[in-house]
Amino acid sequence: MGLLYEIFDEEGHKVGEKKRSELHKIPFWHKTVILIVINSSGKIIFQKRPASN
């Protein structure tokens, strides 16, 4: 079935769950964190994103 992500309304209230593949078909509000560390030369030295499902 795949991992489900919580979706929210514009005020941050949970309104349901969707699979990752459905999150951007119709723009749903969802929470995620992407961490990118860039050094003073502009080179990405660390990147962490959610695992793909």
C-alpha atoms as a PDB file:
ATOM      1  CA  MET A   1       0.000   0.000   0.000  1.00  0.00           C
ATOM      2  CA  GLY A   2       2.832   2.444   0.741  1.00  0.00           C
ATOM      3  CA  LEU A   3       3.457   5.002   3.418  1.00  0.00           C
ATOM      4  CA  LEU A   4       0.653   7.495   4.066  1.00  0.00           C
ATOM      5  CA  TYR A   5       1.303  11.182   4.714  1.00  0.00           C
ATOM      6  CA  GLU A   6      -1.002  13.368   6.780  1.00  0.00           C
ATOM      7  CA  ILE A   7      -2.681  16.200   4.862  1.00  0.00           C
ATOM      8  CA  PHE A   8      -3.892  19.463   6.399  1.00  0.00           C
ATOM      9  CA  ASP A   9      -6.170  22.383   5.649  1.00  0.00           C
ATOM     10  CA  GLU A  10      -4.885  25.967   5.375  1.00  0.00           C
ATOM     11  CA  GLU A  11      -5.168  26.391   9.160  1.00  0.00           C
ATOM     12  CA  GLY A  12      -3.069  23.321   9.971  1.00  0.00           C
ATOM     13  CA  HIS A  13      -5.892  20.960  10.946  1.00  0.00           C
ATOM     14  CA  LYS A  14      -5.447  17.352   9.864  1.00  0.00           C
ATOM     15  CA  VAL A  15      -8.052  16.446   7.247  1.00  0.00           C
ATOM     16  CA  GLY A  16      -6.863  13.039   6.046  1.00  0.00           C
ATOM     17  CA  GLU A  17      -4.021  10.972   4.629  1.00  0.00           C
ATOM     18  CA  LYS A  18      -2.654  10.420   1.111  1.00  0.00           C
ATOM     19  CA  LYS A  19       0.047   8.336  -0.514  1.00  0.00           C
ATOM     20  CA  ARG A  20       3.192  10.226  -1.522  1.00  0.00           C
ATOM     21  CA  SER A  21       2.364   9.774  -5.196  1.00  0.00           C
ATOM     22  CA  GLU A  22      -0.912  11.667  -4.651  1.00  0.00           C
ATOM     23  CA  LEU A  23       0.461  14.642  -2.694  1.00  0.00           C
ATOM     24  CA  HIS A  24       1.303  16.839  -5.682  1.00  0.00           C
ATOM     25  CA  LYS A  25      -1.381  15.783  -8.190  1.00  0.00           C
ATOM     26  CA  ILE A  26      -3.720  18.201  -6.439  1.00  0.00           C
ATOM     27  CA  PRO A  27      -1.675  20.455  -4.138  1.00  0.00           C
ATOM     28  CA  PHE A  28      -2.350  19.214  -0.609  1.00  0.00           C
ATOM     29  CA  TRP A  29      -0.836  20.879   2.434  1.00  0.00           C
ATOM     30  CA  HIS A  30       1.538  18.392   4.052  1.00  0.00           C
ATOM     31  CA  LYS A  31       4.455  18.547   6.454  1.00  0.00           C
ATOM     32  CA  THR A  32       7.975  17.578   5.475  1.00  0.00           C
ATOM     33  CA  VAL A  33      11.557  18.473   6.353  1.00  0.00           C
ATOM     34  CA  ILE A  34      14.472  18.674   3.933  1.00  0.00           C
ATOM     35  CA  LEU A  35      17.888  19.536   5.338  1.00  0.00           C
ATOM     36  CA  ILE A  36      20.638  20.870   3.066  1.00  0.00           C
ATOM     37  CA  VAL A  37      23.975  22.187   4.364  1.00  0.00           C
ATOM     38  CA  ILE A  38      26.001  24.351   1.955  1.00  0.00           C
ATOM     39  CA  ASN A  39      29.561  25.507   2.623  1.00  0.00           C
ATOM     40  CA  SER A  40      30.914  29.003   1.926  1.00  0.00           C
ATOM     41  CA  SER A  41      31.894  27.909  -1.621  1.00  0.00           C
ATOM     42  CA  GLY A  42      28.292  26.999  -2.431  1.00  0.00           C
ATOM     43  CA  LYS A  43      28.965  23.251  -2.403  1.00  0.00           C
ATOM     44  CA  ILE A  44      26.362  20.954  -0.841  1.00  0.00           C
ATOM     45  CA  ILE A  45      28.161  19.086   1.931  1.00  0.00           C
ATOM     46  CA  PHE A  46      25.157  17.327   3.472  1.00  0.00           C
ATOM     47  CA  GLN A  47      21.643  16.570   2.269  1.00  0.00           C
ATOM     48  CA  LYS A  48      18.881  14.625   4.010  1.00  0.00           C
ATOM     49  CA  ARG A  49      15.448  14.072   2.468  1.00  0.00           C
ATOM     50  CA  PRO A  50      12.600  11.701   3.279  1.00  0.00           C
ATOM     51  CA  ALA A  51      13.006   8.219   1.804  1.00  0.00           C
ATOM     52  CA  SER A  52      11.140   7.605  -1.447  1.00  0.00           C
ATOM     53  CA  ASN A  53       8.398   5.003  -1.356  1.00  0.00           C
END
